[in-house]
Structure formats: structure tokens, C-alpha cells
Protein backbone atom coordinates (compact mmCIF):
# COMPACT_ATOMS: atom_id res chain seq x y z
CA MET A 1 58.02 72.65 -2.23
CA LYS A 2 57.74 69.19 -0.73
CA PHE A 3 58.01 65.86 -2.55
CA LYS A 4 57.29 62.37 -1.27
CA ALA A 5 59.60 59.44 -1.95
CA ALA A 6 56.83 57.85 -4.05
CA GLN A 7 56.62 60.94 -6.28
CA ILE A 8 60.40 61.05 -6.76
CA ALA A 9 60.56 57.33 -7.53
CA GLU A 10 57.87 57.78 -10.19
CA ILE A 11 59.81 60.63 -11.85
CA LEU A 12 63.04 58.60 -11.85
CA GLU A 13 61.42 55.22 -12.54
CA GLY A 14 63.14 53.97 -9.39
CA GLU A 15 62.46 51.32 -6.75
CA ILE A 16 61.74 52.40 -3.16
CA HIS A 17 63.38 50.68 -0.19
CA GLY A 18 61.91 52.29 2.91
CA ASN A 19 59.07 54.69 3.61
CA PRO A 20 57.30 55.83 0.40
CA GLU A 21 55.52 58.62 2.32
CA VAL A 22 58.63 60.36 3.66
CA GLU A 23 58.86 63.97 2.42
CA VAL A 24 61.80 66.14 1.39
CA SER A 25 61.98 69.86 0.64
CA GLN A 26 65.67 70.41 -0.07
CA LEU A 27 68.73 68.83 -1.70
CA ALA A 28 72.04 68.15 0.05
CA LYS A 29 75.42 66.45 -0.19
CA ILE A 30 75.35 63.02 1.43
CA GLU A 31 77.81 64.06 4.15
CA GLU A 32 75.73 67.17 4.93
CA GLY A 33 72.26 65.61 4.72
CA THR A 34 69.67 66.67 7.28
CA GLU A 35 66.13 65.55 7.99
CA GLY A 36 63.87 66.61 5.13
CA SER A 37 66.65 66.58 2.54
CA LEU A 38 67.35 64.35 -0.46
CA THR A 39 70.82 63.21 -1.49
CA PHE A 40 72.52 60.62 -3.69
CA LEU A 41 75.41 58.16 -3.61
CA SER A 42 77.45 57.65 -6.77
CA ASN A 43 81.13 57.78 -5.84
CA PRO A 44 82.25 54.75 -3.74
CA LYS A 45 84.53 57.07 -1.75
CA TYR A 46 81.42 58.47 -0.06
CA GLU A 47 79.78 55.12 0.71
CA SER A 48 80.49 55.37 4.44
CA PHE A 49 78.29 58.47 4.69
CA ILE A 50 75.15 56.55 3.78
CA TYR A 51 75.29 54.94 7.23
CA SER A 52 75.60 58.29 9.04
CA THR A 53 73.65 60.72 6.87
CA ASN A 54 70.52 62.31 8.28
CA ALA A 55 69.03 62.80 4.82
CA SER A 56 65.49 61.46 4.54
CA ILE A 57 65.96 60.02 1.02
CA CYS A 58 69.05 58.80 -0.79
CA ILE A 59 69.25 57.84 -4.48
CA VAL A 60 71.58 54.86 -5.12
CA ASN A 61 72.44 52.49 -7.96
CA LYS A 62 70.36 49.33 -8.31
CA ASP A 63 73.37 47.12 -7.67
CA PHE A 64 74.25 48.85 -4.40
CA VAL A 65 74.16 46.47 -1.43
CA LEU A 66 73.90 47.71 2.16
CA GLU A 67 76.35 46.29 4.70
CA LYS A 68 74.08 47.26 7.59
CA PRO A 69 70.68 48.93 8.10
CA VAL A 70 70.22 52.64 7.40
CA ASP A 71 67.69 55.21 8.56
CA THR A 72 67.32 56.88 5.16
CA THR A 73 64.81 55.73 2.53
CA LEU A 74 66.58 54.46 -0.58
CA ILE A 75 65.45 54.94 -4.18
CA LYS A 76 67.33 52.51 -6.43
CA VAL A 77 67.92 53.50 -10.06
CA GLU A 78 70.14 52.45 -12.97
CA ASP A 79 72.48 55.46 -12.64
CA SER A 80 72.21 57.49 -9.44
CA TYR A 81 74.29 60.44 -10.68
CA LYS A 82 72.28 60.75 -13.90
CA SER A 83 69.02 60.41 -11.98
CA PHE A 84 70.03 63.07 -9.49
CA THR A 85 70.86 65.39 -12.40
CA THR A 86 67.43 64.67 -13.88
CA LEU A 87 65.88 65.56 -10.55
CA LEU A 88 67.85 68.83 -10.40
CA GLU A 89 66.53 69.74 -13.83
CA TYR A 90 62.98 68.91 -12.78
CA TYR A 91 63.35 70.91 -9.57
CA ASN A 92 64.70 73.88 -11.51
CA GLN A 93 61.78 73.76 -13.93
CA VAL A 94 59.29 73.77 -11.07
CA LYS A 95 61.12 76.57 -9.28
CA LEU A 96 61.29 78.75 -12.39
CA ASN A 97 57.77 77.96 -13.56
CA LYS A 98 56.43 81.52 -13.41
CA SER A 99 53.86 83.04 -15.70
CA GLY A 100 51.89 86.22 -16.09
CA ILE A 101 52.74 89.89 -16.42
CA GLU A 102 53.64 91.70 -13.22
CA GLN A 103 53.15 95.40 -12.73
CA PRO A 104 54.68 97.86 -13.18
CA SER A 105 56.20 96.75 -16.47
CA PHE A 106 56.17 98.10 -20.02
CA ILE A 107 55.41 96.48 -23.37
CA GLY A 108 55.59 98.53 -26.58
CA GLU A 109 52.30 98.69 -28.48
CA SER A 110 53.82 97.17 -31.63
CA SER A 111 55.34 94.20 -29.74
CA ASN A 112 53.83 90.74 -29.44
CA TYR A 113 54.43 87.61 -27.39
CA GLY A 114 53.49 83.93 -27.37
CA ASP A 115 51.79 81.70 -24.82
CA ASN A 116 52.75 81.26 -21.18
CA ILE A 117 54.92 84.36 -20.94
CA TYR A 118 56.37 85.65 -17.68
CA LEU A 119 57.25 89.32 -17.43
CA GLY A 120 58.63 90.44 -14.08
CA ALA A 121 58.06 93.80 -12.43
CA PHE A 122 59.95 96.77 -13.90
CA ALA A 123 60.88 94.83 -17.02
CA TYR A 124 60.91 96.85 -20.25
CA ILE A 125 59.93 95.50 -23.66
CA GLY A 126 60.53 97.98 -26.50
CA ASN A 127 58.72 98.49 -29.78
CA ASN A 128 58.37 95.82 -32.48
CA VAL A 129 59.70 93.10 -30.17
CA LYS A 130 58.74 89.47 -30.82
CA LEU A 131 58.78 87.03 -27.90
CA GLY A 132 58.09 83.31 -28.44
CA ASN A 133 56.23 80.81 -26.27
CA ASN A 134 57.29 80.11 -22.68
CA VAL A 135 59.64 83.11 -22.53
CA LYS A 136 60.50 84.33 -19.04
CA VAL A 137 61.81 87.87 -18.59
CA TYR A 138 62.71 88.57 -14.97
CA PRO A 139 62.41 91.92 -13.14
CA ASN A 140 64.47 94.89 -14.30
CA ALA A 141 65.45 93.25 -17.58
CA TYR A 142 65.57 95.41 -20.72
CA ILE A 143 64.60 94.24 -24.21
CA GLY A 144 65.27 96.93 -26.85
CA ASP A 145 63.39 97.75 -30.03
CA ASN A 146 63.19 95.22 -32.89
CA VAL A 147 64.52 92.33 -30.79
CA THR A 148 63.40 88.79 -31.64
CA ILE A 149 63.46 86.07 -28.97
CA GLY A 150 62.50 82.45 -29.68
CA ASP A 151 60.67 79.87 -27.55
CA ASN A 152 61.62 78.68 -24.05
CA VAL A 153 64.12 81.47 -23.36
CA ILE A 154 64.96 82.76 -19.88
CA VAL A 155 66.24 86.32 -19.44
CA PHE A 156 67.22 86.76 -15.82
CA ALA A 157 66.95 89.94 -13.74
CA GLY A 158 68.94 92.93 -14.90
CA ALA A 159 70.00 91.54 -18.29
CA LYS A 160 70.03 94.00 -21.19
CA ILE A 161 69.36 93.03 -24.80
CA TYR A 162 69.92 95.96 -27.14
CA SER A 163 67.95 96.71 -30.29
CA GLU A 164 68.01 94.45 -33.36
CA SER A 165 69.43 91.47 -31.44
CA ILE A 166 68.14 88.00 -32.36
CA ILE A 167 67.95 85.26 -29.70
CA GLY A 168 67.14 81.66 -30.64
CA ASN A 169 65.21 78.95 -28.79
CA TYR A 170 66.06 77.40 -25.40
CA CYS A 171 68.62 80.07 -24.46
CA VAL A 172 69.49 81.19 -20.93
CA ILE A 173 70.71 84.74 -20.40
CA HIS A 174 71.86 85.38 -16.85
CA SER A 175 71.79 88.55 -14.76
CA GLY A 176 73.99 91.41 -15.86
CA VAL A 177 74.48 90.12 -19.40
CA ILE A 178 74.61 92.81 -22.09
CA VAL A 179 73.89 91.70 -25.63
CA GLY A 180 74.30 94.20 -28.45
CA ALA A 181 76.21 97.12 -26.92
CA ASP A 182 78.38 99.07 -29.36
CA GLY A 183 81.63 97.51 -30.49
CA PHE A 184 84.85 99.31 -29.52
CA GLY A 185 85.15 101.29 -32.74
CA PHE A 186 87.10 104.57 -32.71
CA MET A 187 89.49 106.23 -35.15
CA PRO A 188 91.80 109.22 -34.58
CA ASN A 189 91.02 112.37 -36.55
CA GLU A 190 93.44 115.01 -37.79
CA SER A 191 93.66 116.67 -34.37
CA GLY A 192 94.47 113.36 -32.67
CA GLU A 193 91.08 113.01 -31.03
CA TYR A 194 89.19 109.74 -31.25
CA GLN A 195 86.08 109.76 -33.41
CA LYS A 196 83.44 107.08 -32.90
CA VAL A 197 82.75 104.69 -35.76
CA PRO A 198 78.99 103.96 -35.81
CA GLN A 199 78.15 100.35 -34.96
CA ILE A 200 75.10 99.49 -37.02
CA GLY A 201 75.21 95.67 -37.04
CA ASN A 202 73.56 93.32 -34.57
CA VAL A 203 74.08 90.18 -32.46
CA ILE A 204 72.68 86.77 -33.38
CA VAL A 205 72.50 84.10 -30.67
CA GLU A 206 71.39 80.71 -31.98
CA ASP A 207 69.54 77.91 -30.12
CA TYR A 208 70.59 76.30 -26.83
CA VAL A 209 73.11 78.97 -25.87
CA ASP A 210 73.86 79.73 -22.19
CA ILE A 211 75.35 83.15 -21.39
CA GLY A 212 76.81 83.56 -17.90
CA ALA A 213 76.31 86.53 -15.58
CA GLY A 214 78.10 89.74 -16.49
CA THR A 215 79.13 88.59 -19.97
CA THR A 216 79.05 91.20 -22.74
CA ILE A 217 78.57 90.55 -26.45
CA ASP A 218 79.08 93.59 -28.71
CA ARG A 219 77.06 94.28 -31.82
CA ALA A 220 78.85 94.17 -35.16
CA THR A 221 80.12 97.28 -36.88
CA LEU A 222 78.47 95.89 -40.04
CA GLY A 223 76.80 92.50 -40.31
CA SER A 224 76.47 90.33 -37.19
CA THR A 225 78.33 89.10 -34.16
CA ILE A 226 77.29 85.43 -34.11
CA ILE A 227 77.09 82.92 -31.25
CA ARG A 228 76.31 79.56 -32.82
CA LYS A 229 74.10 76.72 -31.56
CA GLY A 230 74.94 75.11 -28.22
CA VAL A 231 77.69 77.53 -27.17
CA LYS A 232 78.25 77.78 -23.40
CA LEU A 233 79.67 81.03 -22.05
CA ASP A 234 80.78 81.44 -18.44
CA ASN A 235 80.54 84.64 -16.39
CA GLN A 236 82.33 87.90 -17.23
CA ILE A 237 83.43 87.15 -20.79
CA GLN A 238 84.00 89.93 -23.33
CA ILE A 239 83.10 89.18 -26.95
CA ALA A 240 83.89 92.03 -29.32
CA HIS A 241 82.22 93.18 -32.54
CA ASN A 242 81.95 90.80 -35.49
CA VAL A 243 83.28 87.79 -33.54
CA GLU A 244 81.86 84.41 -34.50
CA ILE A 245 81.89 81.44 -32.10
CA GLY A 246 81.24 77.98 -33.56
CA GLU A 247 78.74 75.38 -32.39
CA HIS A 248 79.14 73.73 -28.99
CA THR A 249 82.23 75.70 -27.99
CA ALA A 250 82.64 76.31 -24.23
CA ILE A 251 84.48 79.34 -22.83
CA ALA A 252 85.39 79.90 -19.17
CA ALA A 253 85.23 83.13 -17.20
CA GLN A 254 87.14 86.35 -17.87
CA THR A 255 88.18 85.43 -21.39
CA GLY A 256 88.38 88.32 -23.86
CA ILE A 257 87.98 87.94 -27.62
CA ALA A 258 88.90 90.90 -29.81
CA GLY A 259 87.01 92.00 -32.90
CA SER A 260 86.40 89.93 -36.04
CA THR A 261 88.01 86.73 -34.69
CA LYS A 262 86.37 83.47 -35.78
CA ILE A 263 86.38 80.50 -33.37
CA GLY A 264 85.51 77.00 -34.58
CA LYS A 265 83.24 74.21 -33.34
CA ASN A 266 83.64 72.15 -30.16
CA CYS A 267 86.50 74.25 -28.77
CA ILE A 268 87.29 74.46 -25.05
CA ILE A 269 88.79 77.73 -23.86
CA GLY A 270 89.97 78.16 -20.26
CA GLY A 271 89.56 81.16 -17.98
CA GLN A 272 91.36 84.49 -18.50
CA VAL A 273 92.42 83.67 -22.05
CA GLY A 274 93.15 86.66 -24.27
CA ILE A 275 92.55 86.33 -28.02
CA VAL A 276 93.61 89.05 -30.48
CA GLY A 277 91.38 90.22 -33.29
CA HIS A 278 91.14 89.20 -36.94
CA ILE A 279 92.41 85.62 -36.51
CA ARG A 280 90.86 82.19 -37.04
CA ILE A 281 90.80 79.39 -34.47
CA GLY A 282 90.01 75.94 -35.84
CA ASP A 283 87.64 73.22 -34.62
CA ARG A 284 88.18 71.19 -31.44
CA VAL A 285 90.94 73.49 -30.22
CA LYS A 286 91.79 73.46 -26.49
CA ILE A 287 93.34 76.53 -24.89
CA GLN A 288 94.62 76.37 -21.31
CA ALA A 289 93.76 79.10 -18.79
CA GLN A 290 95.60 82.46 -18.93
CA SER A 291 96.97 81.82 -22.40
CA GLY A 292 97.44 84.60 -24.94
CA ILE A 293 96.51 83.77 -28.53
CA GLY A 294 98.06 86.02 -31.16
CA ARG A 295 98.00 83.86 -34.29
CA ASN A 296 95.74 81.62 -36.35
CA VAL A 297 95.21 78.19 -34.76
CA LYS A 298 94.71 74.95 -36.69
CA ASP A 299 92.12 72.28 -35.92
CA ASP A 300 92.77 70.10 -32.84
CA GLU A 301 95.68 72.17 -31.47
CA VAL A 302 96.18 72.31 -27.69
CA LEU A 303 97.81 75.54 -26.51
CA GLN A 304 99.21 77.07 -23.36
CA GLY A 305 101.24 80.13 -22.41
CA SER A 306 101.48 83.75 -23.46
CA PRO A 307 102.19 83.97 -26.28
CA ALA A 308 100.69 80.51 -26.50
CA LEU A 309 102.77 77.49 -27.56
CA ASN A 310 101.82 73.96 -28.42
CA TYR A 311 100.85 72.35 -25.09
CA GLY A 312 103.57 69.67 -25.26
CA ASP A 313 106.26 72.20 -26.27
CA PHE A 314 105.19 74.48 -23.43
CA ASN A 315 105.57 71.73 -20.83
CA LYS A 316 108.99 70.72 -22.17
CA SER A 317 110.14 74.35 -22.16
CA TYR A 318 108.78 74.88 -18.66
CA VAL A 319 110.95 72.05 -17.33
CA HIS A 320 114.01 73.90 -18.66
CA PHE A 321 112.73 77.22 -17.38
CA LYS A 322 112.41 75.87 -13.83
CA ASN A 323 116.05 74.75 -14.00
CA LEU A 324 117.28 77.93 -15.70
CA SER A 325 119.35 79.18 -12.74
CA LYS A 326 121.09 75.79 -12.42
CA SER A 327 121.80 75.76 -16.15
CA ILE A 328 123.30 79.25 -15.99
CA ASN A 329 125.50 78.26 -13.04
CA ARG A 330 126.80 75.25 -14.98
CA LEU A 331 127.43 77.43 -18.02
CA ASN A 332 129.35 79.92 -15.89
CA GLN A 333 131.50 77.13 -14.47
CA VAL A 334 132.28 75.83 -17.98
CA GLU A 335 133.27 79.35 -19.07
CA LYS A 336 135.54 79.73 -16.06
CA GLN A 337 137.21 76.41 -16.83
CA LEU A 338 137.74 77.35 -20.48
CA ASN A 339 139.10 80.77 -19.52
CA SER A 340 141.50 79.21 -16.99
CA LYS A 341 142.87 76.83 -19.66
CA LYS A 342 143.38 79.71 -22.06
CA ALA A 343 145.31 81.62 -19.36
């Protein structure tokens, strides 16, 4: 896809300084710009690159003043970073703007779908499935029986949504995601063997949720595993049965949340955090990477460590830990002095 400077300026409501007919077909960092690419300047640290970049178009702030002539065409806007982000969103929409039903694919006879659907080759839609408007299901994705998916949802290639799951509007489900697999429910019988506990609940994903590649969300044993509105999940996260994650909470990669734990609103959880089951984590909690959470957490706490401590207490303790060998040596010297006086 190619765009002229005039077209981009119209989208961004910007002012052109240079050739309005110059075309670009790719995006680039300002220091890596090549002919036919578009870039932006926001951070003053990179200002020198505007005089050496080979990018054909550069988006800059309206108050930016050149110190010498440049070869690139400038588009001046109120906020170059925000405008570039807007352009990325627009580009992504154009790139992902697919529609139609490719073959081979399968749609159960009792299923129905809204307008402007895209169904990629080898995708499978089970029985009694309801798909909203502008839903895009990429190749090799699986949608099980009795699944409901709202409007403007993207299910990328290879994602699996098990039966009875409910997906809201404006959700993005990346490749390799599994929604609705059985929770880890087993109990030992009299002979010591593990017997499976049937998992008959479902998963509910509310509106504006992003689920990163390879993340798994287990169905509830009874009731629902619930991912509330606006939650952002990174890649390779494990969410166990009957977990509930509050609105607008963000969780980084490789975090594991055990069964029946409830996490509040607007929390930020770092990568590789482990959270035990059957606890409650309050609102606006921040958990540093690689922490282990084994207790209930109050609103607004900031935690680090394993088992996790208050963030400030952890840092104070870590200072002492780094000097532990020196402290022990001093203690040994004091003991020797006391022992010598006793002798």
C-alpha cells in the first residue's frame, strides 16, 4: 500500500512542508529511514537524524524549527507522537481489512454471523455459534459450539475458543490463545489415583480485552472465569479456573494465576509473577516482576519479592542483604572480642 503526503496530512489534519505528491509504503525509525518510508520526530534527542534521514516523509510538531534545509517532506501536527500512533492504527485497520469466507472452512448449520465477516481458510465454526458484525476469524482458528462473539472482534490464526465461551465487543485474541480449556481439577481416590473433576463452567471475556499470543484461560469448574472490560493480557499467561480479573488491569508475560483468585481494577502485574489460588488482590495494586503472591493484597499496595513484601520494605531489606557478609564478619569480630575479654 502506498500513501501520498497529501493523503497522510488529510488524515492527521497536518500542514505539509515539501512535496505533497511524494509517496511512502512503509514505516521506519528516523535513524533508519529509507526512501519510500515515513517516520516521525518527537524526542529532541533524535533531532539530529532529521538532517540525515533518507525517509521520504517525517511527521514533526508544529513548533519545530529547522536549523538547515532537509530532503524529507515534513508534515507538521500538534503532537507528532500521537499523530504517528493514529497513523499506525489507521495502517493496521487497512492491513487487516479482510472480508468474505475463504474455502475450505466450516460453519455449523445452526450458527449465524453479522455483516462484513471474514473467515479464513481452514477455520472451524461449531454449532449454535453467534458472531457479531465485523468479526475476523483467521485461518486455522477454532470456535466451539455455543460460543458467542460480539462486534469488531479479531481472532488470529490458530486461536482456540472452546464451547460456551462468551467474548465481548472490540476484543483481540492473538495466535495460540486457548480460551475455555478445562481447569486443573483432580482429586485423589481411595487407591491414590487422581480422578478428574468435571469442569462445566465457562469463560466470559468482556469488551475491549486484548489477549496475547499463547495465553490460556481455563473454564470455571462451576460458574465463570471472568476477564473484565479493558483488561490487557501479554503473551504466555496462565489464568486458572474461576479467576476474575478486574477492569483495565494489565498483566505481563509468563504470569500464572491459580484458581479462584480475584484481582481488582487498574492493577499492573509484571512478568513471571506467581499468584496462589483463593486470594483477593485489591484495586490499583502494582506487583513487580518475578514476585510470588501468597496472601490477600489490599488496595494500592506495591509489592516485590517471593514471598512478596511491601516494595519499600523489600528495597530496605535488600540493602542489608547485599551487605550480609560484611555484617556477619563484623558480628564475628565482636564475638571474638567479647570472648577474649571473658578469657
